[in-house]
Amino acid sequence: MLERIGPSLPDACILIPPGALKDISDHHLAGGDVVGLIRELRGKARPIRELLEARSKREHTEALAKAGDLPRKPDILMEFVNLTRLLGLAGEERSAKLLYLALVSRFLDRPVSVCVKGPSSSGKSFLVDIVLRAVPAECCYVLSAMSERALAYSEEPLSGRFLVLYEAVGLGSDFATYLLRSLLSEGRVRYETVEKTQQGLRPRLIEREGPTGLIVTTTLAGLHPENETRMFSLTVRDDPEQTRAVLLMQAEAANSEAQDPLDLEQWHALQKWLQGAEHRVFVPFGRWLAETMEASAVRLRRDFGAILRLIKAHAILHQALRERDAQGRIVAKAEDYRAVYGLVADMVSEGVQAIVPETVRETIEAVAQLSTESAGPVSLGQVATTLRVDKSAASRRVRVALDGGYLINDETKKGRPAKLRLGDPLPAEVPILPTPEMLEEAIRGGVVSYPVNNAATLQHLASAPLQRCSVSGGVKAPSPPLDPWDAEVGNASSS
């Protein structure tokens, strides 16, 4: 009742009956003073707002206790990679990190969306499923497909959550992609339609509130261009080495004795604690990044915002080890940029065609080699044999190269074998983002102003007025003061 009524009546007061009293009638039948009881309860009544806030604080503290030492790990993403290995994921470390960090970005005003690409049977869905297991189910709304107007008419709440779609073709139509694009860009969907009523045709305005992030998988080389620029695109590995790693992981799982499923409570508790933690982040090197990075492509106007949001998400995830500024905001550190740089630097460069993915470069080199050897057009089968991948993987690589203009297919009839030849020359690789080492040098040189040990930070780190107590002979003897972290955990334990 509190959850349903609270948002609309936050100042309404709740009368909480004492003991095992069921209702006022019970009290009356027992011969009690009904008027006196009501008067007493009204004096003790608390607004719904206070009750919800108290419960939220209690759940926040309890979640911190259950998360254990995980929030204070210096590299939580690496801890997460170790978890994915235990869950059966082979390789794909960077992809797993990026997806997990994107899920953390749901606490921001605009989450970071990700498209997972790869050929059929490459493990896209398995990768996403493994990552989702580490967050509470209520963080995401998972679908295999949806109709073109489902995003407008569905009553499932999407604000502060991720929509997970296990195949891009499940978007259904251009109209569905348009609604999704509106949700990602504007943070809401406002769709006006006309419906039949007893009074005739009447307009109806449907609003779906965000912000909402998107994780989608696809076998396509690319999505709708307008949607593609609103997401980071990562491609699962299709090389023989990765296939071997997957086979070895499956063999190990088949030979291991049956074990109980991994307890993921600690990871779920981490996310629940973050839900009630600080979400405001100050990035002191944001201006330096804007002035230093290559600004040759218009798309960077959108990508740069996503990079900053990933930096903020990483700082939020590691906020237990971050300082605060004068406004109480988390202060991002160079470590946050280093982590994000390792995840998306090449994707940003590929997005503006400043560099070409290594898989595409290998494909173009294979076509060049085969053209020299045969002095004629190259077929898809020849490319697959040279690269030691199956035809589906080779076909996807070739499609990406064709879309970029680096290869040309002289066969114009559908269903006929491809006749591939070289197209435009590969671009000279130009780094878009400055390296983490450059940022660290700027910090050491004073180019980047970095707040350290200010009043807000000291207040945040100040020890709570609680003491750890050891029990001896029924008498509590005071021990040295707790640090703030232990104090908060201590609160959860004592409650």
Protein backbone atom coordinates (compact mmCIF):
# COMPACT_ATOMS: atom_id res chain seq x y z
CA MET A 1 0.00 0.00 0.00
CA LEU A 2 2.82 2.40 0.84
CA GLU A 3 4.48 1.86 -2.53
CA ARG A 4 1.24 2.42 -4.46
CA ILE A 5 -0.05 5.39 -2.48
CA GLY A 6 3.19 6.96 -1.31
CA PRO A 7 4.26 8.82 -4.48
CA SER A 8 0.90 10.57 -4.79
CA LEU A 9 0.25 11.16 -1.06
CA PRO A 10 3.71 11.52 0.54
CA ASP A 11 2.36 13.58 3.47
CA ALA A 12 -0.47 11.20 4.34
CA CYS A 13 0.00 9.67 7.78
CA ILE A 14 -0.27 6.00 8.60
CA LEU A 15 -1.86 4.68 11.78
CA ILE A 16 0.03 1.59 12.87
CA PRO A 17 -2.03 -0.67 15.17
CA PRO A 18 -0.25 -1.92 18.30
CA GLY A 19 0.66 -5.54 18.87
CA ALA A 20 -1.55 -8.22 17.34
CA LEU A 21 -4.56 -5.94 16.97
CA LYS A 22 -6.21 -6.73 13.63
CA ASP A 23 -8.49 -3.68 13.31
CA ILE A 24 -10.59 -1.24 15.27
CA SER A 25 -13.47 -3.76 15.53
CA ASP A 26 -11.25 -6.20 17.42
CA HIS A 27 -10.37 -3.47 19.90
CA HIS A 28 -14.05 -2.56 20.32
CA LEU A 29 -15.15 -6.19 20.85
CA ALA A 30 -12.44 -6.59 23.46
CA GLY A 31 -13.94 -3.68 25.35
CA GLY A 32 -11.16 -1.25 24.59
CA ASP A 33 -11.36 2.52 24.38
CA VAL A 34 -11.65 3.09 20.62
CA VAL A 35 -11.59 6.89 20.77
CA GLY A 36 -8.60 6.86 23.09
CA LEU A 37 -6.75 4.43 20.86
CA ILE A 38 -7.38 6.52 17.74
CA ARG A 39 -6.19 9.63 19.56
CA GLU A 40 -3.03 7.82 20.69
CA LEU A 41 -2.29 6.41 17.24
CA ARG A 42 -2.79 9.79 15.59
CA GLY A 43 -0.20 11.25 17.90
CA LYS A 44 2.30 8.62 16.84
CA ALA A 45 1.39 8.56 13.13
CA ARG A 46 4.20 9.20 10.67
CA PRO A 47 3.95 10.48 7.07
CA ILE A 48 4.32 7.92 4.29
CA ARG A 49 7.36 9.86 3.09
CA GLU A 50 9.19 9.26 6.38
CA LEU A 51 8.27 5.59 6.46
CA LEU A 52 9.55 5.05 2.92
CA GLU A 53 12.74 6.97 3.62
CA ALA A 54 13.37 4.97 6.77
CA ARG A 55 12.82 1.70 4.96
CA SER A 56 15.07 2.82 2.11
CA LYS A 57 17.89 3.68 4.53
CA ARG A 58 17.47 0.38 6.35
CA GLU A 59 17.58 -1.61 3.09
CA HIS A 60 20.60 0.43 1.92
CA THR A 61 22.53 -0.38 5.09
CA GLU A 62 21.53 -4.03 5.02
CA ALA A 63 22.64 -4.29 1.36
CA LEU A 64 26.03 -2.85 2.26
CA ALA A 65 26.49 -5.47 4.94
CA LYS A 66 25.57 -8.27 2.52
CA ALA A 67 27.94 -6.91 -0.14
CA GLY A 68 30.86 -7.54 2.22
CA ASP A 69 34.20 -6.20 1.02
CA LEU A 70 33.17 -6.13 -2.66
CA PRO A 71 32.44 -2.35 -2.77
CA ARG A 72 35.96 -1.62 -1.51
CA LYS A 73 37.76 -3.69 -4.11
CA PRO A 74 40.08 -1.45 -6.17
CA ASP A 75 39.02 -3.10 -9.45
CA ILE A 76 35.46 -4.37 -9.21
CA LEU A 77 35.30 -5.01 -12.96
CA MET A 78 38.17 -7.47 -12.69
CA GLU A 79 36.37 -9.16 -9.80
CA PHE A 80 33.38 -9.40 -12.11
CA VAL A 81 35.48 -11.02 -14.83
CA ASN A 82 36.56 -13.68 -12.32
CA LEU A 83 32.88 -14.26 -11.55
CA THR A 84 32.00 -14.71 -15.23
CA ARG A 85 34.66 -17.39 -15.53
CA LEU A 86 33.10 -19.29 -12.64
CA LEU A 87 29.74 -18.95 -14.39
CA GLY A 88 31.16 -20.57 -17.54
CA LEU A 89 32.07 -17.62 -19.77
CA ALA A 90 35.23 -18.15 -21.82
CA GLY A 91 37.05 -15.04 -22.96
CA GLU A 92 35.02 -11.94 -23.83
CA GLU A 93 36.42 -10.16 -20.79
CA ARG A 94 36.16 -6.70 -22.28
CA SER A 95 32.62 -7.27 -23.51
CA ALA A 96 31.52 -8.49 -20.08
CA LYS A 97 33.09 -5.46 -18.39
CA LEU A 98 31.46 -3.00 -20.77
CA LEU A 99 28.02 -4.58 -20.38
CA TYR A 100 28.27 -4.57 -16.60
CA LEU A 101 29.45 -0.96 -16.51
CA ALA A 102 26.62 0.01 -18.86
CA LEU A 103 24.14 -1.53 -16.40
CA VAL A 104 25.61 0.64 -13.64
CA SER A 105 24.97 3.71 -15.81
CA ARG A 106 21.23 3.24 -15.23
CA PHE A 107 21.70 5.44 -12.15
CA LEU A 108 22.51 8.41 -14.42
CA ASP A 109 20.13 10.69 -16.27
CA ARG A 110 20.95 8.93 -19.53
CA PRO A 111 22.20 5.30 -19.44
CA VAL A 112 24.78 3.97 -21.90
CA SER A 113 23.32 1.49 -24.40
CA VAL A 114 25.18 -1.40 -26.01
CA CYS A 115 24.66 -3.51 -29.13
CA VAL A 116 26.27 -6.97 -29.09
CA LYS A 117 27.05 -8.20 -32.60
CA GLY A 118 28.29 -11.47 -33.97
CA PRO A 119 27.44 -14.43 -36.21
CA SER A 120 24.90 -17.02 -35.22
CA SER A 121 26.05 -19.41 -32.44
CA SER A 122 28.86 -17.05 -31.43
CA GLY A 123 27.58 -16.76 -27.85
CA LYS A 124 26.01 -13.29 -27.89
CA SER A 125 22.97 -14.26 -25.85
CA PHE A 126 25.04 -16.38 -23.46
CA LEU A 127 27.34 -13.42 -22.82
CA VAL A 128 24.41 -11.11 -22.04
CA ASP A 129 22.74 -13.75 -19.88
CA ILE A 130 25.89 -14.24 -17.78
CA VAL A 131 26.17 -10.49 -17.17
CA LEU A 132 22.50 -10.14 -16.23
CA ARG A 133 22.82 -12.85 -13.60
CA ALA A 134 25.02 -10.52 -11.55
CA VAL A 135 22.31 -7.86 -11.16
CA PRO A 136 18.84 -8.10 -9.56
CA ALA A 137 16.11 -9.10 -12.00
CA GLU A 138 14.18 -5.88 -11.42
CA CYS A 139 17.03 -3.88 -13.00
CA CYS A 140 16.10 -5.11 -16.47
CA TYR A 141 13.08 -5.86 -18.63
CA VAL A 142 14.05 -8.80 -20.86
CA LEU A 143 12.28 -9.62 -24.14
CA SER A 144 12.93 -11.91 -27.09
CA ALA A 145 10.81 -9.75 -29.41
CA MET A 146 8.07 -7.15 -29.32
CA SER A 147 5.45 -5.74 -31.63
CA GLU A 148 5.98 -2.38 -33.26
CA ARG A 149 3.78 -0.49 -30.78
CA ALA A 150 4.56 -2.50 -27.66
CA LEU A 151 6.98 0.14 -26.42
CA ALA A 152 4.14 2.66 -26.38
CA TYR A 153 1.33 0.50 -24.98
CA SER A 154 3.19 -1.71 -22.51
CA GLU A 155 2.59 -0.90 -18.84
CA GLU A 156 5.93 -2.30 -17.69
CA PRO A 157 7.91 0.48 -15.91
CA LEU A 158 11.11 1.37 -17.79
CA SER A 159 12.43 4.33 -15.81
CA GLY A 160 15.88 3.64 -14.39
CA ARG A 161 15.97 0.19 -15.99
CA PHE A 162 17.46 -1.53 -19.02
CA LEU A 163 15.44 -2.96 -21.85
CA VAL A 164 17.18 -6.15 -23.00
CA LEU A 165 16.22 -7.46 -26.43
CA TYR A 166 17.72 -10.78 -27.47
CA GLU A 167 17.70 -10.04 -31.20
CA ALA A 168 17.47 -6.76 -33.05
CA VAL A 169 14.97 -8.18 -35.53
CA GLY A 170 12.65 -8.34 -32.51
CA LEU A 171 12.23 -4.59 -32.89
CA GLY A 172 9.78 -5.49 -35.60
CA SER A 173 9.63 -2.38 -37.76
CA ASP A 174 10.96 1.08 -38.47
CA PHE A 175 8.22 2.46 -36.22
CA ALA A 176 9.44 0.34 -33.31
CA THR A 177 13.01 1.53 -33.83
CA TYR A 178 11.71 5.10 -33.93
CA LEU A 179 9.96 4.71 -30.57
CA LEU A 180 13.09 3.15 -29.12
CA ARG A 181 15.23 5.97 -30.49
CA SER A 182 12.94 8.50 -28.83
CA LEU A 183 13.21 6.69 -25.52
CA LEU A 184 17.01 6.60 -25.71
CA SER A 185 17.49 10.19 -26.91
CA GLU A 186 14.71 12.10 -25.17
CA GLY A 187 14.42 9.93 -22.06
CA ARG A 188 10.71 9.32 -22.69
CA VAL A 189 8.17 8.26 -25.31
CA ARG A 190 5.28 10.63 -26.10
CA TYR A 191 3.02 8.92 -28.61
CA GLU A 192 -0.36 10.35 -29.58
CA THR A 193 -2.88 8.07 -31.22
CA VAL A 194 -6.61 7.97 -31.94
CA GLU A 195 -8.83 5.39 -30.28
CA LYS A 196 -12.45 4.36 -30.68
CA THR A 197 -14.61 5.21 -27.68
CA GLN A 198 -18.35 5.39 -26.96
CA GLN A 199 -18.10 9.07 -27.83
CA GLY A 200 -16.44 8.31 -31.17
CA LEU A 201 -12.80 8.74 -32.15
CA ARG A 202 -10.79 10.40 -29.42
CA PRO A 203 -7.11 11.36 -29.24
CA ARG A 204 -5.00 9.70 -26.57
CA LEU A 205 -1.52 10.76 -25.49
CA ILE A 206 0.65 7.86 -24.25
CA GLU A 207 3.75 8.72 -22.24
CA ARG A 208 6.47 6.27 -21.18
CA GLU A 209 8.99 7.75 -18.79
CA GLY A 210 12.70 6.95 -18.86
CA PRO A 211 15.59 7.16 -18.63
CA THR A 212 16.05 3.71 -20.11
CA GLY A 213 19.11 1.89 -21.40
CA LEU A 214 19.17 -0.74 -24.12
CA ILE A 215 21.12 -3.95 -24.57
CA VAL A 216 20.41 -5.66 -27.86
CA THR A 217 22.05 -8.53 -29.75
CA THR A 218 22.13 -8.98 -33.52
CA THR A 219 23.70 -11.02 -36.29
CA LEU A 220 23.48 -7.99 -38.58
CA ALA A 221 26.58 -6.04 -39.52
CA GLY A 222 24.79 -2.86 -38.49
CA LEU A 223 21.50 -1.55 -37.13
CA HIS A 224 19.48 1.44 -38.24
CA PRO A 225 22.08 4.23 -38.67
CA GLU A 226 20.22 6.57 -36.33
CA ASN A 227 20.11 3.92 -33.60
CA GLU A 228 23.68 2.78 -34.23
CA THR A 229 25.09 6.18 -33.23
CA ARG A 230 23.27 6.02 -29.91
CA MET A 231 24.99 2.82 -28.77
CA PHE A 232 28.40 1.29 -28.34
CA SER A 233 28.80 -1.66 -30.69
CA LEU A 234 30.89 -4.58 -29.50
CA THR A 235 31.49 -7.70 -31.56
CA VAL A 236 32.01 -11.10 -29.96
CA ARG A 237 35.09 -12.93 -31.08
CA ASP A 238 34.73 -15.44 -33.92
CA ASP A 239 38.38 -16.52 -34.26
CA PRO A 240 39.57 -20.13 -33.83
CA GLU A 241 41.35 -19.32 -30.57
CA GLN A 242 38.10 -18.14 -28.98
CA THR A 243 36.25 -21.19 -30.30
CA ARG A 244 38.92 -23.39 -28.72
CA ALA A 245 38.53 -21.58 -25.40
CA VAL A 246 34.77 -22.16 -25.50
CA LEU A 247 35.24 -25.85 -26.24
CA LEU A 248 37.69 -26.23 -23.37
CA MET A 249 35.28 -24.48 -21.01
CA GLN A 250 32.48 -26.85 -22.07
CA ALA A 251 34.75 -29.88 -21.62
CA GLU A 252 35.73 -28.73 -18.15
CA ALA A 253 32.09 -28.19 -17.21
CA ALA A 254 31.13 -31.63 -18.51
CA ASN A 255 33.84 -33.35 -16.45
CA SER A 256 33.26 -31.46 -13.22
CA GLU A 257 31.00 -32.90 -10.59
CA ALA A 258 27.62 -31.31 -10.08
CA GLN A 259 27.91 -28.31 -7.81
CA ASP A 260 25.43 -26.00 -6.20
CA PRO A 261 24.76 -22.83 -8.20
CA LEU A 262 26.99 -19.90 -7.30
CA ASP A 263 25.60 -17.63 -4.63
CA LEU A 264 25.27 -14.24 -6.28
CA GLU A 265 23.76 -12.48 -3.26
CA GLN A 266 26.90 -10.40 -2.74
CA TRP A 267 26.74 -9.04 -6.29
CA HIS A 268 23.02 -8.37 -6.07
CA ALA A 269 23.58 -6.63 -2.73
CA LEU A 270 26.22 -4.42 -4.35
CA GLN A 271 23.69 -3.19 -6.90
CA LYS A 272 21.04 -2.63 -4.24
CA TRP A 273 23.51 -0.63 -2.18
CA LEU A 274 24.42 1.47 -5.21
CA GLN A 275 20.71 2.13 -5.75
CA GLY A 276 20.61 4.21 -2.57
CA ALA A 277 24.16 5.54 -2.75
CA GLU A 278 25.50 8.75 -4.32
CA HIS A 279 24.99 9.09 -8.08
CA ARG A 280 26.37 12.57 -8.67
CA VAL A 281 29.89 12.56 -10.10
CA PHE A 282 32.32 15.40 -10.78
CA VAL A 283 34.82 14.68 -13.59
CA PRO A 284 37.70 17.15 -13.04
CA PHE A 285 39.41 16.17 -16.28
CA GLY A 286 36.29 16.46 -18.45
CA ARG A 287 37.31 19.78 -19.99
CA TRP A 288 40.85 18.51 -20.57
CA LEU A 289 39.43 15.51 -22.46
CA ALA A 290 37.25 17.78 -24.59
CA GLU A 291 40.24 19.94 -25.48
CA THR A 292 42.67 17.06 -26.07
CA MET A 293 40.71 14.42 -27.99
CA GLU A 294 40.51 14.44 -31.78
CA ALA A 295 37.40 16.33 -32.92
CA SER A 296 37.27 15.44 -36.60
CA ALA A 297 33.82 13.80 -36.74
CA VAL A 298 30.35 15.08 -35.85
CA ARG A 299 29.46 11.74 -34.25
CA LEU A 300 31.94 12.49 -31.47
CA ARG A 301 29.48 15.02 -30.10
CA ARG A 302 27.32 12.08 -29.07
CA ASP A 303 30.11 9.62 -28.25
CA PHE A 304 31.86 12.02 -25.91
CA GLY A 305 28.78 12.24 -23.70
CA ALA A 306 28.64 8.44 -23.53
CA ILE A 307 32.33 8.30 -22.57
CA LEU A 308 31.75 10.75 -19.73
CA ARG A 309 28.78 8.70 -18.52
CA LEU A 310 30.88 5.53 -18.47
CA ILE A 311 33.54 7.36 -16.45
CA LYS A 312 30.83 8.43 -14.02
CA ALA A 313 29.45 4.88 -13.85
CA HIS A 314 32.90 3.53 -13.00
CA ALA A 315 33.29 6.17 -10.28
CA ILE A 316 29.84 5.31 -8.88
CA LEU A 317 30.80 1.63 -8.81
CA HIS A 318 34.02 2.44 -6.90
CA GLN A 319 32.66 5.32 -4.81
CA ALA A 320 33.74 3.68 -1.56
CA LEU A 321 37.33 4.53 -2.57
CA ARG A 322 36.61 7.94 -4.11
CA GLU A 323 36.75 11.38 -2.52
CA ARG A 324 33.95 13.95 -2.59
CA ASP A 325 33.92 17.57 -3.71
CA ALA A 326 32.45 20.54 -1.86
CA GLN A 327 28.95 19.59 -3.06
CA GLY A 328 29.27 16.01 -1.88
CA ARG A 329 29.70 14.63 -5.40
CA ILE A 330 31.97 11.68 -6.15
CA VAL A 331 35.23 12.86 -7.70
CA ALA A 332 36.29 10.72 -10.66
CA LYS A 333 39.94 9.70 -10.76
CA ALA A 334 42.40 8.87 -13.50
CA GLU A 335 41.74 5.18 -12.75
CA ASP A 336 38.16 5.66 -13.92
CA TYR A 337 39.32 7.03 -17.25
CA ARG A 338 41.92 4.28 -17.63
CA ALA A 339 39.25 1.60 -17.19
CA VAL A 340 36.88 3.23 -19.69
CA TYR A 341 39.66 3.91 -22.19
CA GLY A 342 40.53 0.21 -22.26
CA LEU A 343 36.90 -0.66 -22.98
CA VAL A 344 35.87 1.79 -25.68
CA ALA A 345 38.89 3.63 -27.17
CA ASP A 346 38.99 1.49 -30.31
CA MET A 347 35.17 1.45 -30.60
CA VAL A 348 35.12 5.24 -30.64
CA SER A 349 37.79 5.32 -33.33
CA GLU A 350 35.99 2.66 -35.36
CA GLY A 351 32.72 4.57 -35.07
CA VAL A 352 34.20 7.57 -36.86
CA GLN A 353 36.24 5.32 -39.20
CA ALA A 354 39.51 6.62 -37.82
CA ILE A 355 40.64 3.02 -37.51
CA VAL A 356 39.40 -0.29 -38.89
CA PRO A 357 38.64 -3.30 -36.63
CA GLU A 358 41.38 -5.89 -36.63
CA THR A 359 38.98 -8.54 -37.95
CA VAL A 360 38.09 -6.34 -40.93
CA ARG A 361 41.75 -5.56 -41.57
CA GLU A 362 42.54 -9.29 -41.59
CA THR A 363 39.67 -9.86 -44.05
CA ILE A 364 40.89 -7.16 -46.41
CA GLU A 365 44.43 -8.51 -46.24
CA ALA A 366 43.10 -11.99 -47.06
CA VAL A 367 41.28 -10.64 -50.14
CA ALA A 368 44.44 -8.79 -51.21
CA GLN A 369 46.51 -11.97 -50.86
CA LEU A 370 43.98 -14.11 -52.73
CA SER A 371 43.66 -11.51 -55.51
CA THR A 372 47.40 -11.58 -56.03
CA GLU A 373 47.51 -15.37 -56.09
CA SER A 374 44.53 -15.89 -58.44
CA ALA A 375 44.60 -12.61 -60.39
CA GLY A 376 40.81 -12.49 -60.30
CA PRO A 377 37.76 -11.96 -58.07
CA VAL A 378 37.74 -13.68 -54.71
CA SER A 379 34.86 -15.79 -53.36
CA LEU A 380 33.52 -15.85 -49.84
CA GLY A 381 34.58 -19.48 -49.44
CA GLN A 382 38.18 -18.57 -50.24
CA VAL A 383 38.13 -15.85 -47.60
CA ALA A 384 36.70 -18.23 -44.98
CA THR A 385 39.39 -20.83 -45.73
CA THR A 386 42.19 -18.29 -45.54
CA LEU A 387 40.94 -16.85 -42.24
CA ARG A 388 40.20 -20.31 -40.80
CA VAL A 389 36.63 -19.33 -39.86
CA ASP A 390 33.26 -20.65 -41.04
CA LYS A 391 31.37 -19.00 -43.88
CA SER A 392 28.88 -17.26 -41.59
CA ALA A 393 31.67 -15.51 -39.69
CA ALA A 394 33.49 -14.68 -42.93
CA SER A 395 30.25 -13.37 -44.45
CA ARG A 396 29.71 -10.99 -41.57
CA ARG A 397 33.30 -9.72 -41.75
CA VAL A 398 32.98 -9.17 -45.49
CA ARG A 399 29.68 -7.32 -45.02
CA VAL A 400 31.35 -4.88 -42.60
CA ALA A 401 34.17 -4.32 -45.11
CA LEU A 402 31.67 -3.79 -47.92
CA ASP A 403 29.70 -1.28 -45.86
CA GLY A 404 32.91 0.63 -45.22
CA GLY A 405 33.80 0.63 -48.91
CA TYR A 406 37.06 -1.26 -48.33
CA LEU A 407 35.84 -4.20 -50.45
CA ILE A 408 33.68 -4.28 -53.58
CA ASN A 409 31.44 -7.13 -54.72
CA ASP A 410 31.21 -7.21 -58.51
CA GLU A 411 28.45 -9.82 -58.38
CA THR A 412 25.15 -7.93 -58.54
CA LYS A 413 22.74 -10.89 -58.67
CA LYS A 414 21.44 -12.24 -55.39
CA GLY A 415 22.22 -15.84 -54.57
CA ARG A 416 25.32 -15.93 -56.76
CA PRO A 417 28.83 -16.42 -55.31
CA ALA A 418 30.52 -13.15 -54.37
CA LYS A 419 33.19 -11.65 -56.60
CA LEU A 420 35.27 -9.64 -54.17
CA ARG A 421 38.00 -7.17 -54.94
CA LEU A 422 39.73 -4.38 -53.06
CA GLY A 423 37.97 -1.04 -52.67
CA ASP A 424 39.07 2.09 -50.85
CA PRO A 425 42.45 1.98 -49.11
CA LEU A 426 42.46 1.50 -45.37
CA PRO A 427 42.66 4.76 -43.41
CA ALA A 428 45.76 5.77 -41.55
CA GLU A 429 45.00 4.95 -37.93
CA VAL A 430 44.36 8.13 -35.96
CA PRO A 431 43.80 7.83 -32.19
CA ILE A 432 40.72 9.74 -31.07
CA LEU A 433 41.03 9.59 -27.30
CA PRO A 434 44.14 10.69 -25.38
CA THR A 435 45.85 7.88 -23.50
CA PRO A 436 45.54 7.46 -19.72
CA GLU A 437 49.25 8.21 -19.47
CA MET A 438 48.62 11.62 -21.04
CA LEU A 439 45.94 12.32 -18.45
CA GLU A 440 48.19 11.30 -15.58
CA GLU A 441 50.92 13.58 -16.92
CA ALA A 442 48.41 16.45 -17.11
CA ILE A 443 47.42 15.84 -13.48
CA ARG A 444 51.06 15.77 -12.33
CA GLY A 445 51.76 18.95 -14.26
CA GLY A 446 48.84 20.80 -12.71
CA VAL A 447 47.03 21.15 -16.04
CA VAL A 448 44.04 19.36 -14.51
CA SER A 449 42.76 20.81 -11.25
CA TYR A 450 42.03 17.94 -8.91
CA PRO A 451 40.29 18.54 -5.56
CA VAL A 452 41.93 16.64 -2.72
CA ASN A 453 41.02 16.42 0.98
CA ASN A 454 38.49 19.25 0.95
CA ALA A 455 35.91 19.78 3.68
CA ALA A 456 33.27 17.63 1.98
CA THR A 457 35.76 14.82 1.53
CA LEU A 458 36.81 14.99 5.18
CA GLN A 459 33.18 15.01 6.24
CA HIS A 460 32.48 11.98 4.05
CA LEU A 461 35.47 10.13 5.52
CA ALA A 462 34.82 11.20 9.09
CA SER A 463 34.29 8.36 11.50
CA ALA A 464 30.72 7.75 12.65
CA PRO A 465 30.16 8.09 16.42
CA LEU A 466 29.98 4.34 16.80
CA GLN A 467 32.48 2.03 18.44
CA ARG A 468 33.17 -1.59 17.84
CA CYS A 469 32.44 -3.48 21.04
CA SER A 470 33.79 -6.82 22.15
CA VAL A 471 31.62 -8.79 24.56
CA SER A 472 33.31 -10.25 27.60
CA GLY A 473 31.44 -11.68 30.55
CA GLY A 474 28.26 -9.92 29.51
CA VAL A 475 29.94 -6.48 29.71
CA LYS A 476 30.63 -4.51 26.52
CA ALA A 477 34.12 -3.13 26.42
CA PRO A 478 34.76 -0.32 23.91
CA SER A 479 37.23 -0.99 21.14
CA PRO A 480 38.97 1.45 18.78
CA PRO A 481 36.56 3.53 16.62
CA LEU A 482 35.36 2.05 13.39
CA ASP A 483 36.28 3.58 10.07
CA PRO A 484 33.21 4.96 8.25
CA TRP A 485 32.85 1.82 6.19
CA ASP A 486 32.86 -0.52 9.17
CA ALA A 487 30.53 1.85 10.98
CA GLU A 488 27.90 1.56 8.29
CA VAL A 489 28.25 -2.22 8.21
CA GLY A 490 28.11 -2.21 11.99
CA ASN A 491 24.78 -0.41 11.85
CA ALA A 492 23.39 -3.15 9.65
CA SER A 493 24.74 -5.87 11.91
CA SER A 494 23.39 -4.31 15.11
CA SER A 495 19.98 -3.69 13.56
